[in-house]
Amino acid sequence: MKKIVTILLTLSIMLIMSSGVFAQNAASIPWTDSIRDMPFSSRTDSSGQERWVYYKQDGSLAQSQWVQNHKYDWYYCSEDGFLLKSTWFHDPADGKYYYFGDDWAMLHDTTTPDGYTVGSDGAWVKDGQVVVETVANN
């Protein structure tokens, strides 16, 4: 009888573990190398640094555009396709400035490492107003 109880208990535990009940509360993994799971992937740039890129649904590299992950974080893909990291970006489309942190995500509702405030949309805020600067095309 003791052996049957042990077997049933073991099978029950295996069934619960395989059902995904515990996975629902697991921390999400922000990055993956599989384009099918998440469209972000690691690549090495010309200087040998590991950087991240984003692939669109058609498999092409996203360049000079905004992208968003499954957690609704915003990223910007530069002209060469690499995500911006630890830097400011002036978006010519809306004239606003945005800061991207060490995790490549656009910061919002916080103070940047260099002491500037960014609002809920991530744009630089000075004296309660979003800073907008347009650049004329020549």
C-alpha atoms as a PDB file:
ATOM      1  CA  MET A   1       0.000   0.000   0.000  1.00  0.00           C
ATOM      2  CA  LYS A   2       2.832   2.394   0.882  1.00  0.00           C
ATOM      3  CA  LYS A   3       4.366   1.772  -2.545  1.00  0.00           C
ATOM      4  CA  ILE A   4       1.073   2.600  -4.328  1.00  0.00           C
ATOM      5  CA  VAL A   5       0.680   5.856  -2.371  1.00  0.00           C
ATOM      6  CA  THR A   6       4.257   6.853  -3.259  1.00  0.00           C
ATOM      7  CA  ILE A   7       3.640   6.113  -6.943  1.00  0.00           C
ATOM      8  CA  LEU A   8       0.358   8.046  -6.974  1.00  0.00           C
ATOM      9  CA  LEU A   9       1.939  10.988  -5.174  1.00  0.00           C
ATOM     10  CA  THR A  10       4.842  11.014  -7.627  1.00  0.00           C
ATOM     11  CA  LEU A  11       2.476  10.896 -10.622  1.00  0.00           C
ATOM     12  CA  SER A  12       0.366  13.705  -9.148  1.00  0.00           C
ATOM     13  CA  ILE A  13       3.407  15.914  -8.684  1.00  0.00           C
ATOM     14  CA  MET A  14       4.576  15.188 -12.228  1.00  0.00           C
ATOM     15  CA  LEU A  15       1.135  16.048 -13.597  1.00  0.00           C
ATOM     16  CA  ILE A  16       1.001  19.344 -11.705  1.00  0.00           C
ATOM     17  CA  MET A  17       4.522  20.323 -12.782  1.00  0.00           C
ATOM     18  CA  SER A  18       3.792  19.593 -16.443  1.00  0.00           C
ATOM     19  CA  SER A  19       0.478  21.503 -16.420  1.00  0.00           C
ATOM     20  CA  GLY A  20       2.176  24.909 -16.276  1.00  0.00           C
ATOM     21  CA  VAL A  21       0.582  25.958 -12.983  1.00  0.00           C
ATOM     22  CA  PHE A  22       3.959  27.010 -11.617  1.00  0.00           C
ATOM     23  CA  ALA A  23       5.052  28.638 -14.884  1.00  0.00           C
ATOM     24  CA  GLN A  24       2.287  31.241 -14.662  1.00  0.00           C
ATOM     25  CA  ASN A  25       4.066  33.001 -11.797  1.00  0.00           C
ATOM     26  CA  ALA A  26       7.575  32.581 -13.183  1.00  0.00           C
ATOM     27  CA  ALA A  27       9.525  35.703 -14.123  1.00  0.00           C
ATOM     28  CA  SER A  28       9.404  36.402 -17.837  1.00  0.00           C
ATOM     29  CA  ILE A  29      12.582  36.252 -19.870  1.00  0.00           C
ATOM     30  CA  PRO A  30      12.993  39.599 -21.602  1.00  0.00           C
ATOM     31  CA  TRP A  31      15.215  38.374 -24.439  1.00  0.00           C
ATOM     32  CA  THR A  32      15.580  35.263 -26.534  1.00  0.00           C
ATOM     33  CA  ASP A  33      17.655  34.342 -29.554  1.00  0.00           C
ATOM     34  CA  SER A  34      14.682  32.657 -31.206  1.00  0.00           C
ATOM     35  CA  ILE A  35      12.962  34.971 -33.670  1.00  0.00           C
ATOM     36  CA  ARG A  36       9.855  32.790 -33.425  1.00  0.00           C
ATOM     37  CA  ASP A  37       9.538  33.420 -29.661  1.00  0.00           C
ATOM     38  CA  MET A  38      10.608  37.057 -29.550  1.00  0.00           C
ATOM     39  CA  PRO A  39      11.895  39.099 -32.464  1.00  0.00           C
ATOM     40  CA  PHE A  40      14.993  40.314 -30.582  1.00  0.00           C
ATOM     41  CA  SER A  41      18.353  38.719 -31.285  1.00  0.00           C
ATOM     42  CA  SER A  42      21.971  39.246 -30.304  1.00  0.00           C
ATOM     43  CA  ARG A  43      24.547  40.211 -32.950  1.00  0.00           C
ATOM     44  CA  THR A  44      28.123  41.410 -32.907  1.00  0.00           C
ATOM     45  CA  ASP A  45      28.827  44.853 -34.335  1.00  0.00           C
ATOM     46  CA  SER A  46      31.904  45.887 -36.352  1.00  0.00           C
ATOM     47  CA  SER A  47      33.853  46.676 -33.150  1.00  0.00           C
ATOM     48  CA  GLY A  48      33.193  43.218 -31.689  1.00  0.00           C
ATOM     49  CA  GLN A  49      30.582  44.366 -29.154  1.00  0.00           C
ATOM     50  CA  GLU A  50      27.505  42.241 -28.558  1.00  0.00           C
ATOM     51  CA  ARG A  51      24.403  44.299 -29.321  1.00  0.00           C
ATOM     52  CA  TRP A  52      20.722  43.620 -29.923  1.00  0.00           C
ATOM     53  CA  VAL A  53      18.637  43.888 -33.070  1.00  0.00           C
ATOM     54  CA  TYR A  54      14.940  43.414 -33.825  1.00  0.00           C
ATOM     55  CA  TYR A  55      13.504  41.344 -36.655  1.00  0.00           C
ATOM     56  CA  LYS A  56      10.145  42.219 -38.203  1.00  0.00           C
ATOM     57  CA  GLN A  57       7.510  39.560 -38.936  1.00  0.00           C
ATOM     58  CA  ASP A  58       8.761  39.189 -42.503  1.00  0.00           C
ATOM     59  CA  GLY A  59      12.235  38.346 -41.128  1.00  0.00           C
ATOM     60  CA  SER A  60      13.880  41.594 -42.210  1.00  0.00           C
ATOM     61  CA  LEU A  61      15.954  43.710 -39.843  1.00  0.00           C
ATOM     62  CA  ALA A  62      14.137  46.709 -38.338  1.00  0.00           C
ATOM     63  CA  GLN A  63      16.026  49.931 -39.018  1.00  0.00           C
ATOM     64  CA  SER A  64      15.300  53.550 -38.033  1.00  0.00           C
ATOM     65  CA  GLN A  65      12.071  52.638 -36.281  1.00  0.00           C
ATOM     66  CA  TRP A  66      10.391  52.162 -32.924  1.00  0.00           C
ATOM     67  CA  VAL A  67       9.570  48.622 -31.714  1.00  0.00           C
ATOM     68  CA  GLN A  68       7.832  47.264 -28.631  1.00  0.00           C
ATOM     69  CA  ASN A  69       8.304  44.003 -26.703  1.00  0.00           C
ATOM     70  CA  HIS A  70       5.737  41.739 -25.050  1.00  0.00           C
ATOM     71  CA  LYS A  71       5.967  43.767 -21.828  1.00  0.00           C
ATOM     72  CA  TYR A  72       5.123  46.995 -23.715  1.00  0.00           C
ATOM     73  CA  ASP A  73       8.623  48.449 -23.337  1.00  0.00           C
ATOM     74  CA  TRP A  74       9.707  50.687 -26.215  1.00  0.00           C
ATOM     75  CA  TYR A  75      13.017  50.421 -28.091  1.00  0.00           C
ATOM     76  CA  TYR A  76      14.500  52.258 -31.033  1.00  0.00           C
ATOM     77  CA  CYS A  77      16.379  50.513 -33.845  1.00  0.00           C
ATOM     78  CA  SER A  78      19.061  52.770 -35.307  1.00  0.00           C
ATOM     79  CA  GLU A  79      19.946  53.043 -39.013  1.00  0.00           C
ATOM     80  CA  ASP A  80      22.264  50.024 -38.697  1.00  0.00           C
ATOM     81  CA  GLY A  81      19.515  48.045 -36.946  1.00  0.00           C
ATOM     82  CA  PHE A  82      21.058  47.983 -33.470  1.00  0.00           C
ATOM     83  CA  LEU A  83      18.948  48.987 -30.466  1.00  0.00           C
ATOM     84  CA  LEU A  84      19.966  52.197 -28.705  1.00  0.00           C
ATOM     85  CA  LYS A  85      21.486  51.753 -25.236  1.00  0.00           C
ATOM     86  CA  SER A  86      22.489  54.261 -22.537  1.00  0.00           C
ATOM     87  CA  THR A  87      21.956  57.235 -24.810  1.00  0.00           C
ATOM     88  CA  TRP A  88      19.640  60.065 -25.811  1.00  0.00           C
ATOM     89  CA  PHE A  89      17.764  59.989 -29.103  1.00  0.00           C
ATOM     90  CA  HIS A  90      16.146  62.961 -30.869  1.00  0.00           C
ATOM     91  CA  ASP A  91      13.213  61.667 -32.887  1.00  0.00           C
ATOM     92  CA  PRO A  92      12.875  63.795 -36.007  1.00  0.00           C
ATOM     93  CA  ALA A  93       9.277  62.598 -36.456  1.00  0.00           C
ATOM     94  CA  ASP A  94       7.989  64.380 -33.341  1.00  0.00           C
ATOM     95  CA  GLY A  95      10.955  66.562 -32.317  1.00  0.00           C
ATOM     96  CA  LYS A  96      11.143  64.997 -28.845  1.00  0.00           C
ATOM     97  CA  TYR A  97      14.135  63.589 -26.974  1.00  0.00           C
ATOM     98  CA  TYR A  98      14.071  60.095 -25.451  1.00  0.00           C
ATOM     99  CA  TYR A  99      16.566  58.278 -23.239  1.00  0.00           C
ATOM    100  CA  PHE A 100      17.353  54.554 -23.513  1.00  0.00           C
ATOM    101  CA  GLY A 101      18.722  52.764 -20.460  1.00  0.00           C
ATOM    102  CA  ASP A 102      21.258  50.013 -19.857  1.00  0.00           C
ATOM    103  CA  ASP A 103      18.599  47.422 -20.739  1.00  0.00           C
ATOM    104  CA  TRP A 104      17.954  49.111 -24.144  1.00  0.00           C
ATOM    105  CA  ALA A 105      14.416  50.115 -23.107  1.00  0.00           C
ATOM    106  CA  MET A 106      13.185  53.703 -23.293  1.00  0.00           C
ATOM    107  CA  LEU A 107      12.946  55.236 -19.824  1.00  0.00           C
ATOM    108  CA  HIS A 108       9.705  56.880 -18.717  1.00  0.00           C
ATOM    109  CA  ASP A 109       8.324  58.481 -15.557  1.00  0.00           C
ATOM    110  CA  THR A 110      11.790  58.844 -14.043  1.00  0.00           C
ATOM    111  CA  THR A 111      15.040  60.780 -13.932  1.00  0.00           C
ATOM    112  CA  THR A 112      17.740  59.748 -16.401  1.00  0.00           C
ATOM    113  CA  PRO A 113      21.258  58.861 -15.197  1.00  0.00           C
ATOM    114  CA  ASP A 114      22.444  62.319 -16.310  1.00  0.00           C
ATOM    115  CA  GLY A 115      19.756  64.065 -14.234  1.00  0.00           C
ATOM    116  CA  TYR A 116      16.997  64.928 -16.711  1.00  0.00           C
ATOM    117  CA  THR A 117      13.299  64.159 -16.219  1.00  0.00           C
ATOM    118  CA  VAL A 118      11.316  62.071 -18.700  1.00  0.00           C
ATOM    119  CA  GLY A 119       7.529  61.885 -18.641  1.00  0.00           C
ATOM    120  CA  SER A 120       5.035  59.059 -19.038  1.00  0.00           C
ATOM    121  CA  ASP A 121       5.581  58.940 -22.806  1.00  0.00           C
ATOM    122  CA  GLY A 122       9.373  58.875 -22.287  1.00  0.00           C
ATOM    123  CA  ALA A 123       9.946  62.368 -23.663  1.00  0.00           C
ATOM    124  CA  TRP A 124      12.297  64.817 -21.922  1.00  0.00           C
ATOM    125  CA  VAL A 125      10.381  67.232 -19.702  1.00  0.00           C
ATOM    126  CA  LYS A 126      11.831  70.605 -18.656  1.00  0.00           C
ATOM    127  CA  ASP A 127       9.987  73.015 -16.337  1.00  0.00           C
ATOM    128  CA  GLY A 128       6.816  70.925 -16.684  1.00  0.00           C
ATOM    129  CA  GLN A 129       6.810  71.042 -20.492  1.00  0.00           C
ATOM    130  CA  VAL A 130       7.884  68.426 -23.029  1.00  0.00           C
ATOM    131  CA  VAL A 131      10.942  69.664 -24.922  1.00  0.00           C
ATOM    132  CA  VAL A 132      10.296  69.704 -28.673  1.00  0.00           C
ATOM    133  CA  GLU A 133      12.904  70.807 -31.218  1.00  0.00           C
ATOM    134  CA  THR A 134      12.333  70.463 -34.911  1.00  0.00           C
ATOM    135  CA  VAL A 135      15.241  70.100 -37.271  1.00  0.00           C
ATOM    136  CA  ALA A 136      14.882  71.548 -40.755  1.00  0.00           C
ATOM    137  CA  ASN A 137      15.735  69.239 -43.644  1.00  0.00           C
ATOM    138  CA  ASN A 138      18.197  70.744 -46.121  1.00  0.00           C
END
